[in-house]
Each structure stands twice: as structure tokens, then as C-alpha cells.
Amino acid sequence: MLHWKRDPDKPEVVPENLQSSINSKIILLILASIISFTIANSMMAQDSTKFTFFDFSYLVSFGVAAVFGIFISKRYWGSKIFGKSYLSLSLGYASYFTGSLAWYIYAVIYNVENPYPYYPDIAYFAFFPFVIYHLKRNIQFFKPKLEKRQKINLIIIPTIITLFFAFVTLVPMDITSGVFNIKFLPTPEHDQSFYTTTATSIAYVILDTLILSGTIIGFKIFRKSSLGSAWGLLLVGLALYTLADLIYYYFEAFDLDVANNVQGLWVGSAILACYALYKHKSFL
């Protein structure tokens, strides 16, 4: 067992049985569900004024992840590290759920066309610091001092992805003939909404890449710790979320709306998080 100190007289323990394996059949079922969800959703006409089964599944998946996180936080509350860490994760999913709910209210009920950037983004943005705090607390506990290479990755990955995104967003180009026949176009005049939307998208990309970098480092650390597969699966869920986000924003840079295509990945990321949190609960 791995011990850490809450105070000098009372050691705290991470249970050894967190090493229990993940059920591969359930993972395959989740994977099949994501693929089926994505195919079916991609065949639907994109209409933000309607609230579909796919939208309901998307909304509920993040709400359930928030509830699961609360239960795990409660079970870990005696821990100086993990109680607050999982409460932060739960608040992150709750924030995302709130942002999505607000988005659908504005889009479906009040018929606000594509409410972005808009008030729901306040809650969406709150998701990131809560998740980053969760990653930071767990990583620091198992590895108080990162290796030089890991520190470099925390800087390099967000920088490269963000700079490239800013480039394809701000530099007009025509890619209809393929990526090897790109034609650069004259810079058009933009109104204030273009720059507001672009700045918001860049901010999301920066935050997504910070989480992605954290999951890469966290996975390498956690797989060698007593926390085992449950933590690793949670990290995979978070990484899948950021990858779906990045795909969405990169296509958006070329005026292509692929929300229906990546919504399954967002849902799948939340389902993986739910299963990982459930495994935490079943181990304790």
C-alpha cells in the first residue's frame, strides 16, 4: 500500500485493490456505442433549434459524471489530496453540464442562433481550471518534481497546437484542392465578432492542450503507481474530450461545423469518466 500523511500522527492510505483490472467487455461496449452514436448522429440534419436524443445523451452524460465525482469525493474526503481533487473534477463536469444546458436553453427555447461566444461559455470555461486542478493535485502527489522532459512537454504541446490553430484561423486559405494544393487568399476585412469568436476559440484550444498535456504526463505516472487502471481510464476519457474539442475547433477554422460528428466523442469521454469513477467506488 501507498501511504501519505494528512498529519504526523495519522497516515492515509491508497487501497491496493485499485489495481483491479478494467472489464474489457464494457470498454468494447462503450467503444461500439460511441461508433454507433457517431454514425447515427452524423446522418442527422444539423439543426441547433431542435433538442434531439443525441443532445439529451450528451447533456446527461456530463451530468452523471458530475454526480459520480461527488460520490468519489465524499469517499475520499478524509484524504487531504484526493477529496478536494475529486470534488474539483466533479465541479468541472457540473460546470460543463451547466454550460451545455444554458446553451440549449438559448438555442432551442429562445432561438438564439449559434450562441457562441455567449453566456454559456462562462460555465464551459469553468470546466478547465477545475479539471486542471484535479490533474495537478494528483500528479504532484505522485511526482512532486517533474522531469525536465515532462516540463518541456507541458510547454511544447500547447504552444505548437495553439500556434498552428491561430495560423489556420487568421490566415485566409483555400484547401478545396487538397492540403498539398493550398492557396493563400487576400486578407478580408473582419468585424469585431470575428475577432471575439477567434479569441474565444484560441482560448479553448489553449486550455484543451493544457489538459491534454496533463493527461499524457499523468498517464505515464499513474500507470506505475498503486492507483492502476481506474485512474488511467479516467485520463483516457479526459484526453478523448480534448481531442474531440480540438477536432471541432480546427474544422471550425475552415467554416466546417462538425458538431454532430464529434458529439459522440464528447459523450464517450464522459461515459469513460463515469465508468472509471464507478471503478473507484467499487474498489473502496
Protein backbone atom coordinates (compact mmCIF):
# COMPACT_ATOMS: atom_id res chain seq x y z
CA MET A 1 0.00 0.00 0.00
CA LEU A 2 0.98 3.58 -0.66
CA HIS A 3 0.89 5.83 2.40
CA TRP A 4 0.77 9.57 2.64
CA LYS A 5 0.47 11.90 5.62
CA ARG A 6 -2.55 14.01 6.45
CA ASP A 7 -0.88 14.91 9.71
CA PRO A 8 2.15 13.46 11.51
CA ASP A 9 0.06 11.13 13.66
CA LYS A 10 -2.46 9.83 11.15
CA PRO A 11 -1.31 8.14 7.92
CA GLU A 12 -3.66 7.87 4.98
CA VAL A 13 -3.74 5.02 2.52
CA VAL A 14 -4.50 4.45 -1.16
CA PRO A 15 -6.07 0.95 -1.37
CA GLU A 16 -4.07 -1.67 -3.20
CA ASN A 17 -7.15 -3.05 -4.89
CA LEU A 18 -7.28 -0.03 -7.18
CA GLN A 19 -5.03 -2.22 -9.30
CA SER A 20 -8.11 -4.31 -10.25
CA SER A 21 -8.49 -4.64 -13.98
CA ILE A 22 -10.99 -2.85 -16.16
CA ASN A 23 -13.63 -5.08 -17.77
CA SER A 24 -12.65 -5.27 -21.44
CA LYS A 25 -16.19 -6.21 -22.49
CA ILE A 26 -17.55 -2.99 -21.02
CA ILE A 27 -14.83 -0.99 -22.80
CA LEU A 28 -15.74 -2.67 -26.10
CA LEU A 29 -19.42 -1.92 -25.42
CA ILE A 30 -18.59 1.73 -24.78
CA LEU A 31 -16.49 1.86 -27.95
CA ALA A 32 -19.30 0.27 -30.01
CA SER A 33 -21.78 2.76 -28.51
CA ILE A 34 -19.55 5.70 -29.43
CA ILE A 35 -19.20 4.48 -33.02
CA SER A 36 -22.94 3.79 -33.37
CA PHE A 37 -23.81 7.13 -31.78
CA THR A 38 -21.43 9.00 -34.10
CA ILE A 39 -22.66 7.29 -37.28
CA ALA A 40 -26.33 7.84 -36.43
CA ASN A 41 -25.78 11.43 -35.35
CA SER A 42 -23.76 12.23 -38.48
CA MET A 43 -26.75 11.18 -40.60
CA MET A 44 -28.99 13.72 -38.84
CA ALA A 45 -29.51 17.15 -40.36
CA GLN A 46 -27.75 19.74 -38.21
CA ASP A 47 -30.36 21.96 -36.56
CA SER A 48 -29.48 23.83 -33.38
CA THR A 49 -33.12 24.80 -32.83
CA LYS A 50 -34.10 21.20 -32.04
CA PHE A 51 -33.27 19.17 -28.94
CA THR A 52 -32.65 15.60 -30.09
CA PHE A 53 -31.96 12.28 -28.40
CA PHE A 54 -28.28 12.84 -29.16
CA ASP A 55 -28.34 16.21 -27.43
CA PHE A 56 -30.10 14.65 -24.44
CA SER A 57 -27.46 11.90 -24.22
CA TYR A 58 -24.69 14.48 -24.47
CA LEU A 59 -26.18 16.60 -21.70
CA VAL A 60 -26.96 13.71 -19.35
CA SER A 61 -23.54 12.05 -19.74
CA PHE A 62 -21.75 15.06 -18.25
CA GLY A 63 -24.35 15.43 -15.51
CA VAL A 64 -23.91 11.80 -14.48
CA ALA A 65 -20.11 12.21 -14.46
CA ALA A 66 -20.53 15.16 -12.08
CA VAL A 67 -22.70 13.06 -9.73
CA PHE A 68 -20.24 10.14 -9.78
CA GLY A 69 -17.44 12.56 -8.97
CA ILE A 70 -19.33 13.83 -5.92
CA PHE A 71 -19.68 10.29 -4.56
CA ILE A 72 -15.97 9.58 -5.01
CA SER A 73 -15.04 12.90 -3.45
CA LYS A 74 -17.18 12.02 -0.43
CA ARG A 75 -15.48 8.65 -0.05
CA TYR A 76 -12.03 10.23 -0.31
CA TRP A 77 -12.89 13.23 1.86
CA GLY A 78 -10.67 12.06 4.70
CA SER A 79 -7.74 12.43 2.32
CA LYS A 80 -6.00 15.77 2.17
CA ILE A 81 -5.31 15.32 -1.54
CA PHE A 82 -7.94 13.17 -3.19
CA GLY A 83 -11.10 14.51 -1.55
CA LYS A 84 -10.55 18.03 -2.90
CA SER A 85 -9.13 16.67 -6.14
CA TYR A 86 -12.27 14.70 -6.99
CA LEU A 87 -14.55 17.46 -5.79
CA SER A 88 -12.79 19.73 -8.28
CA LEU A 89 -13.26 17.16 -11.05
CA SER A 90 -16.96 16.88 -10.18
CA LEU A 91 -17.35 20.65 -10.24
CA GLY A 92 -15.70 20.66 -13.65
CA TYR A 93 -18.24 18.23 -15.07
CA ALA A 94 -21.05 20.11 -13.33
CA SER A 95 -19.83 23.34 -14.93
CA TYR A 96 -19.79 21.73 -18.35
CA PHE A 97 -23.29 20.34 -17.78
CA THR A 98 -24.48 23.82 -16.76
CA GLY A 99 -22.90 25.41 -19.82
CA SER A 100 -24.49 22.84 -22.15
CA LEU A 101 -27.89 23.23 -20.50
CA ALA A 102 -27.68 27.02 -20.85
CA TRP A 103 -26.62 26.66 -24.50
CA TYR A 104 -29.65 24.52 -25.32
CA ILE A 105 -31.97 26.91 -23.48
CA TYR A 106 -30.70 29.84 -25.55
CA ALA A 107 -30.58 27.91 -28.83
CA VAL A 108 -33.78 25.86 -28.59
CA ILE A 109 -36.12 27.84 -26.34
CA TYR A 110 -35.03 31.43 -27.04
CA ASN A 111 -33.94 30.70 -30.64
CA VAL A 112 -30.59 32.46 -30.30
CA GLU A 113 -28.69 31.50 -33.45
CA ASN A 114 -25.42 29.75 -32.54
CA PRO A 115 -24.98 31.31 -29.06
CA TYR A 116 -21.17 31.41 -29.25
CA PRO A 117 -19.41 33.14 -27.68
CA TYR A 118 -22.20 33.77 -25.22
CA TYR A 119 -23.18 33.41 -21.59
CA PRO A 120 -22.92 29.56 -21.61
CA ASP A 121 -19.20 29.92 -22.29
CA ILE A 122 -18.72 31.22 -18.75
CA ALA A 123 -19.67 27.78 -17.44
CA TYR A 124 -17.80 25.98 -20.23
CA PHE A 125 -14.61 27.85 -19.36
CA ALA A 126 -15.04 26.90 -15.68
CA PHE A 127 -14.66 23.24 -16.68
CA PHE A 128 -10.98 23.69 -17.47
CA PRO A 129 -9.49 25.12 -14.25
CA PHE A 130 -11.36 22.53 -12.20
CA VAL A 131 -10.00 19.65 -14.32
CA ILE A 132 -6.51 21.14 -14.44
CA TYR A 133 -6.56 21.43 -10.64
CA HIS A 134 -7.57 17.76 -10.41
CA LEU A 135 -4.68 16.70 -12.63
CA LYS A 136 -2.19 18.98 -10.89
CA ARG A 137 -3.03 17.73 -7.40
CA ASN A 138 -2.80 14.06 -8.37
CA ILE A 139 0.37 14.45 -10.41
CA GLN A 140 2.09 16.47 -7.69
CA PHE A 141 1.26 13.85 -5.08
CA PHE A 142 2.88 11.00 -7.01
CA LYS A 143 5.61 13.06 -8.62
CA PRO A 144 6.33 16.28 -6.67
CA LYS A 145 9.07 17.22 -9.12
CA LEU A 146 8.55 16.66 -12.84
CA GLU A 147 11.39 15.62 -15.10
CA LYS A 148 12.81 18.22 -17.46
CA ARG A 149 11.31 16.44 -20.46
CA GLN A 150 7.86 16.46 -18.86
CA LYS A 151 8.10 20.19 -18.15
CA ILE A 152 9.09 20.81 -21.75
CA ASN A 153 6.08 18.79 -22.97
CA LEU A 154 3.78 20.95 -20.85
CA ILE A 155 5.01 23.94 -22.85
CA ILE A 156 5.72 22.48 -26.29
CA ILE A 157 2.42 20.63 -26.87
CA PRO A 158 0.11 23.60 -26.12
CA THR A 159 2.39 26.05 -27.95
CA ILE A 160 2.63 24.10 -31.22
CA ILE A 161 -1.06 23.17 -31.39
CA THR A 162 -2.23 26.68 -30.47
CA LEU A 163 0.12 28.50 -32.87
CA PHE A 164 -0.91 26.26 -35.74
CA PHE A 165 -4.59 26.79 -34.90
CA ALA A 166 -4.09 30.57 -34.79
CA PHE A 167 -2.35 30.37 -38.17
CA VAL A 168 -5.12 28.44 -39.96
CA THR A 169 -7.74 30.67 -38.32
CA LEU A 170 -6.21 34.06 -39.09
CA VAL A 171 -4.58 33.37 -42.45
CA PRO A 172 -7.17 33.01 -45.26
CA MET A 173 -6.60 29.97 -47.43
CA ASP A 174 -8.38 27.69 -49.87
CA ILE A 175 -7.98 23.95 -49.24
CA THR A 176 -10.68 22.69 -51.62
CA SER A 177 -7.98 21.25 -53.90
CA GLY A 178 -6.37 19.33 -51.04
CA VAL A 179 -3.82 20.04 -48.34
CA PHE A 180 -0.96 19.82 -50.85
CA ASN A 181 -2.53 22.48 -53.08
CA ILE A 182 -3.33 25.18 -50.56
CA LYS A 183 -3.98 28.62 -51.98
CA PHE A 184 -3.45 31.61 -49.73
CA LEU A 185 -6.07 34.32 -50.17
CA PRO A 186 -6.11 38.07 -49.61
CA THR A 187 -6.98 39.09 -46.06
CA PRO A 188 -10.60 40.26 -45.92
CA GLU A 189 -11.97 42.91 -43.63
CA HIS A 190 -13.38 41.43 -40.44
CA ASP A 191 -15.84 42.86 -37.96
CA GLN A 192 -15.47 42.74 -34.20
CA SER A 193 -17.45 39.49 -33.89
CA PHE A 194 -14.81 37.63 -35.94
CA TYR A 195 -12.04 38.63 -33.56
CA THR A 196 -14.18 37.91 -30.49
CA THR A 197 -15.05 34.45 -31.80
CA THR A 198 -11.44 33.76 -32.82
CA ALA A 199 -10.05 34.84 -29.45
CA THR A 200 -12.59 32.63 -27.67
CA SER A 201 -11.71 29.63 -29.85
CA ILE A 202 -7.98 30.16 -29.29
CA ALA A 203 -8.59 30.30 -25.53
CA TYR A 204 -10.44 26.96 -25.71
CA VAL A 205 -7.61 25.41 -27.72
CA ILE A 206 -5.01 26.59 -25.20
CA LEU A 207 -6.99 25.12 -22.29
CA ASP A 208 -7.67 21.88 -24.18
CA THR A 209 -3.97 21.40 -24.88
CA LEU A 210 -3.07 22.06 -21.25
CA ILE A 211 -5.40 19.24 -20.19
CA LEU A 212 -4.10 17.01 -22.98
CA SER A 213 -0.52 17.60 -21.84
CA GLY A 214 -1.52 16.86 -18.25
CA THR A 215 -3.20 13.59 -19.20
CA ILE A 216 -0.13 12.42 -21.13
CA ILE A 217 2.14 13.08 -18.14
CA GLY A 218 -0.43 11.77 -15.68
CA PHE A 219 -0.90 8.52 -17.55
CA LYS A 220 2.83 7.80 -17.52
CA ILE A 221 2.95 8.47 -13.77
CA PHE A 222 -0.27 6.77 -12.69
CA ARG A 223 0.28 3.54 -14.61
CA LYS A 224 3.35 2.91 -12.43
CA SER A 225 1.55 3.79 -9.19
CA SER A 226 -0.82 1.90 -6.93
CA LEU A 227 -3.74 3.73 -8.50
CA GLY A 228 -3.74 1.42 -11.50
CA SER A 229 -6.20 1.18 -14.36
CA ALA A 230 -9.09 3.22 -12.95
CA TRP A 231 -7.01 6.40 -12.97
CA GLY A 232 -5.66 5.59 -16.41
CA LEU A 233 -9.15 5.14 -17.82
CA LEU A 234 -10.22 8.49 -16.38
CA LEU A 235 -7.25 10.11 -18.10
CA VAL A 236 -8.19 8.46 -21.39
CA GLY A 237 -11.67 9.97 -21.01
CA LEU A 238 -10.24 13.44 -20.45
CA ALA A 239 -7.82 13.06 -23.37
CA LEU A 240 -10.68 11.94 -25.63
CA TYR A 241 -12.64 15.04 -24.65
CA THR A 242 -9.76 17.36 -25.55
CA LEU A 243 -9.13 15.59 -28.86
CA ALA A 244 -12.81 15.95 -29.80
CA ASP A 245 -12.66 19.63 -28.86
CA LEU A 246 -9.53 20.20 -30.96
CA ILE A 247 -11.05 18.43 -33.96
CA TYR A 248 -14.13 20.61 -33.65
CA TYR A 249 -12.22 23.89 -33.45
CA TYR A 250 -9.81 23.03 -36.26
CA PHE A 251 -12.67 22.23 -38.62
CA GLU A 252 -14.47 25.36 -37.44
CA ALA A 253 -11.42 27.36 -38.56
CA PHE A 254 -12.33 26.29 -42.13
CA ASP A 255 -16.03 27.13 -41.59
CA LEU A 256 -16.95 23.47 -41.26
CA ASP A 257 -19.36 22.58 -38.46
CA VAL A 258 -18.65 19.02 -37.33
CA ALA A 259 -20.52 19.18 -34.02
CA ASN A 260 -22.69 16.18 -34.96
CA ASN A 261 -19.61 14.20 -35.95
CA VAL A 262 -17.66 14.74 -32.73
CA GLN A 263 -20.57 14.82 -30.29
CA GLY A 264 -20.19 11.06 -29.90
CA LEU A 265 -16.58 11.54 -28.79
CA TRP A 266 -17.68 14.08 -26.17
CA VAL A 267 -20.33 11.67 -24.92
CA GLY A 268 -17.85 8.79 -24.98
CA SER A 269 -15.34 10.79 -22.93
CA ALA A 270 -17.96 11.38 -20.23
CA ILE A 271 -19.04 7.72 -20.26
CA LEU A 272 -15.43 6.59 -19.84
CA ALA A 273 -15.10 9.01 -16.92
CA CYS A 274 -18.28 7.59 -15.37
CA TYR A 275 -17.01 4.03 -15.67
CA ALA A 276 -13.61 5.00 -14.25
CA LEU A 277 -15.26 6.74 -11.30
CA TYR A 278 -17.54 3.74 -10.81
CA LYS A 279 -14.47 1.50 -10.62
CA HIS A 280 -13.07 3.81 -7.94
CA LYS A 281 -16.29 3.38 -5.97
CA SER A 282 -16.36 -0.39 -6.37
CA PHE A 283 -12.76 -0.66 -5.14
CA LEU A 284 -13.19 1.31 -1.96
